[in-house]
Amino acid sequence: MKLHTSAFALTTGITAGLITLLITFLFLILGYEGTTLVKVHKLFFGFQVTWWGAFLGMLWAFVYGFIGGLFFAWLYNSLQKSPPA
């Protein structure tokens, strides 16, 4: 069975973006400073633990998730053996 590359990449990107958004919102609502989450700004340019930073982090996470999902689906399909005809 082969993976649909673009669908898998889109799903991975959306999932990564939503998880980043929700975790940042959770940190903001509960009042955590987010010392661990602040380190994400090295990976996501411009990311901060703020309301605006949550959306910026979501965009970056979508991009990285999309690229990672695209690569994984391509690699999986490349290594998948096709059934004999």
C-alpha atoms as a PDB file:
ATOM      1  CA  MET A   1       0.000   0.000   0.000  1.00  0.00           C
ATOM      2  CA  LYS A   2       1.400   3.365  -0.975  1.00  0.00           C
ATOM      3  CA  LEU A   3       0.835   6.616   0.876  1.00  0.00           C
ATOM      4  CA  HIS A   4      -0.727   9.588  -0.881  1.00  0.00           C
ATOM      5  CA  THR A   5       2.240  11.919  -0.534  1.00  0.00           C
ATOM      6  CA  SER A   6       0.548  15.329  -0.587  1.00  0.00           C
ATOM      7  CA  ALA A   7      -2.338  14.238   1.663  1.00  0.00           C
ATOM      8  CA  PHE A   8       0.072  12.766   4.206  1.00  0.00           C
ATOM      9  CA  ALA A   9       2.230  15.912   4.133  1.00  0.00           C
ATOM     10  CA  LEU A  10      -0.799  18.183   4.565  1.00  0.00           C
ATOM     11  CA  THR A  11      -2.122  16.107   7.463  1.00  0.00           C
ATOM     12  CA  THR A  12       1.261  16.080   9.188  1.00  0.00           C
ATOM     13  CA  GLY A  13       1.639  19.841   8.744  1.00  0.00           C
ATOM     14  CA  ILE A  14      -1.834  20.616  10.100  1.00  0.00           C
ATOM     15  CA  THR A  15      -1.315  18.314  13.079  1.00  0.00           C
ATOM     16  CA  ALA A  16       2.070  19.838  13.947  1.00  0.00           C
ATOM     17  CA  GLY A  17       0.654  23.367  13.613  1.00  0.00           C
ATOM     18  CA  LEU A  18      -2.368  22.683  15.806  1.00  0.00           C
ATOM     19  CA  ILE A  19      -0.319  20.973  18.495  1.00  0.00           C
ATOM     20  CA  THR A  20       2.081  23.931  18.632  1.00  0.00           C
ATOM     21  CA  LEU A  21      -0.817  26.393  18.779  1.00  0.00           C
ATOM     22  CA  LEU A  22      -2.633  24.493  21.528  1.00  0.00           C
ATOM     23  CA  ILE A  23       0.472  23.993  23.673  1.00  0.00           C
ATOM     24  CA  THR A  24       1.328  27.695  23.441  1.00  0.00           C
ATOM     25  CA  PHE A  25      -2.271  28.663  24.316  1.00  0.00           C
ATOM     26  CA  LEU A  26      -2.170  26.268  27.268  1.00  0.00           C
ATOM     27  CA  PHE A  27       1.042  27.859  28.543  1.00  0.00           C
ATOM     28  CA  LEU A  28      -0.478  31.331  28.196  1.00  0.00           C
ATOM     29  CA  ILE A  29      -3.790  30.457  29.865  1.00  0.00           C
ATOM     30  CA  LEU A  30      -2.170  28.647  32.794  1.00  0.00           C
ATOM     31  CA  GLY A  31       0.421  31.402  33.221  1.00  0.00           C
ATOM     32  CA  TYR A  32       3.561  29.338  32.733  1.00  0.00           C
ATOM     33  CA  GLU A  33       6.649  31.221  31.637  1.00  0.00           C
ATOM     34  CA  GLY A  34       7.496  28.408  29.288  1.00  0.00           C
ATOM     35  CA  THR A  35      11.272  28.205  29.687  1.00  0.00           C
ATOM     36  CA  THR A  36      11.241  24.986  27.686  1.00  0.00           C
ATOM     37  CA  LEU A  37       8.889  26.394  25.066  1.00  0.00           C
ATOM     38  CA  VAL A  38      10.993  29.556  24.718  1.00  0.00           C
ATOM     39  CA  LYS A  39      13.818  27.406  23.332  1.00  0.00           C
ATOM     40  CA  VAL A  40      11.621  26.680  20.312  1.00  0.00           C
ATOM     41  CA  HIS A  41      12.436  30.158  18.981  1.00  0.00           C
ATOM     42  CA  LYS A  42      15.772  28.759  17.795  1.00  0.00           C
ATOM     43  CA  LEU A  43      13.808  26.523  15.443  1.00  0.00           C
ATOM     44  CA  PHE A  44      10.865  28.827  14.670  1.00  0.00           C
ATOM     45  CA  PHE A  45      12.105  32.298  13.696  1.00  0.00           C
ATOM     46  CA  GLY A  46      10.216  34.999  15.606  1.00  0.00           C
ATOM     47  CA  PHE A  47       8.395  32.610  17.947  1.00  0.00           C
ATOM     48  CA  GLN A  48       7.615  33.852  21.454  1.00  0.00           C
ATOM     49  CA  VAL A  49       5.237  32.628  24.139  1.00  0.00           C
ATOM     50  CA  THR A  50       2.610  35.270  23.314  1.00  0.00           C
ATOM     51  CA  TRP A  51      -0.762  35.202  21.606  1.00  0.00           C
ATOM     52  CA  TRP A  52       0.765  36.445  18.355  1.00  0.00           C
ATOM     53  CA  GLY A  53       3.734  34.100  18.759  1.00  0.00           C
ATOM     54  CA  ALA A  54       1.349  31.147  19.026  1.00  0.00           C
ATOM     55  CA  PHE A  55       0.082  31.803  15.496  1.00  0.00           C
ATOM     56  CA  LEU A  56       3.580  32.389  14.179  1.00  0.00           C
ATOM     57  CA  GLY A  57       4.697  29.132  15.781  1.00  0.00           C
ATOM     58  CA  MET A  58       1.702  27.392  14.200  1.00  0.00           C
ATOM     59  CA  LEU A  59       2.801  28.565  10.744  1.00  0.00           C
ATOM     60  CA  TRP A  60       6.379  27.403  11.257  1.00  0.00           C
ATOM     61  CA  ALA A  61       5.244  24.071  12.688  1.00  0.00           C
ATOM     62  CA  PHE A  62       2.973  23.599   9.660  1.00  0.00           C
ATOM     63  CA  VAL A  63       5.874  24.243   7.288  1.00  0.00           C
ATOM     64  CA  TYR A  64       8.243  21.879   9.104  1.00  0.00           C
ATOM     65  CA  GLY A  65       5.522  19.268   9.530  1.00  0.00           C
ATOM     66  CA  PHE A  66       4.588  19.481   5.850  1.00  0.00           C
ATOM     67  CA  ILE A  67       8.195  19.072   4.714  1.00  0.00           C
ATOM     68  CA  GLY A  68       8.795  16.238   7.181  1.00  0.00           C
ATOM     69  CA  GLY A  69       5.591  14.473   6.147  1.00  0.00           C
ATOM     70  CA  LEU A  70       6.413  14.900   2.483  1.00  0.00           C
ATOM     71  CA  PHE A  71       9.847  13.391   2.987  1.00  0.00           C
ATOM     72  CA  PHE A  72       8.527  10.514   5.114  1.00  0.00           C
ATOM     73  CA  ALA A  73       5.787   9.623   2.602  1.00  0.00           C
ATOM     74  CA  TRP A  74       8.261   9.797  -0.288  1.00  0.00           C
ATOM     75  CA  LEU A  75      10.733   7.594   1.580  1.00  0.00           C
ATOM     76  CA  TYR A  76       8.026   5.112   2.570  1.00  0.00           C
ATOM     77  CA  ASN A  77       6.763   4.883  -1.013  1.00  0.00           C
ATOM     78  CA  SER A  78      10.304   4.491  -2.327  1.00  0.00           C
ATOM     79  CA  LEU A  79      11.033   1.591   0.004  1.00  0.00           C
ATOM     80  CA  GLN A  80       7.659  -0.048  -0.518  1.00  0.00           C
ATOM     81  CA  LYS A  81       7.872  -3.153  -2.668  1.00  0.00           C
ATOM     82  CA  SER A  82       5.335  -3.269  -5.439  1.00  0.00           C
ATOM     83  CA  PRO A  83       3.364  -6.514  -5.691  1.00  0.00           C
ATOM     84  CA  PRO A  84       4.313  -8.861  -8.516  1.00  0.00           C
ATOM     85  CA  ALA A  85       2.166  -8.540 -11.603  1.00  0.00           C
END
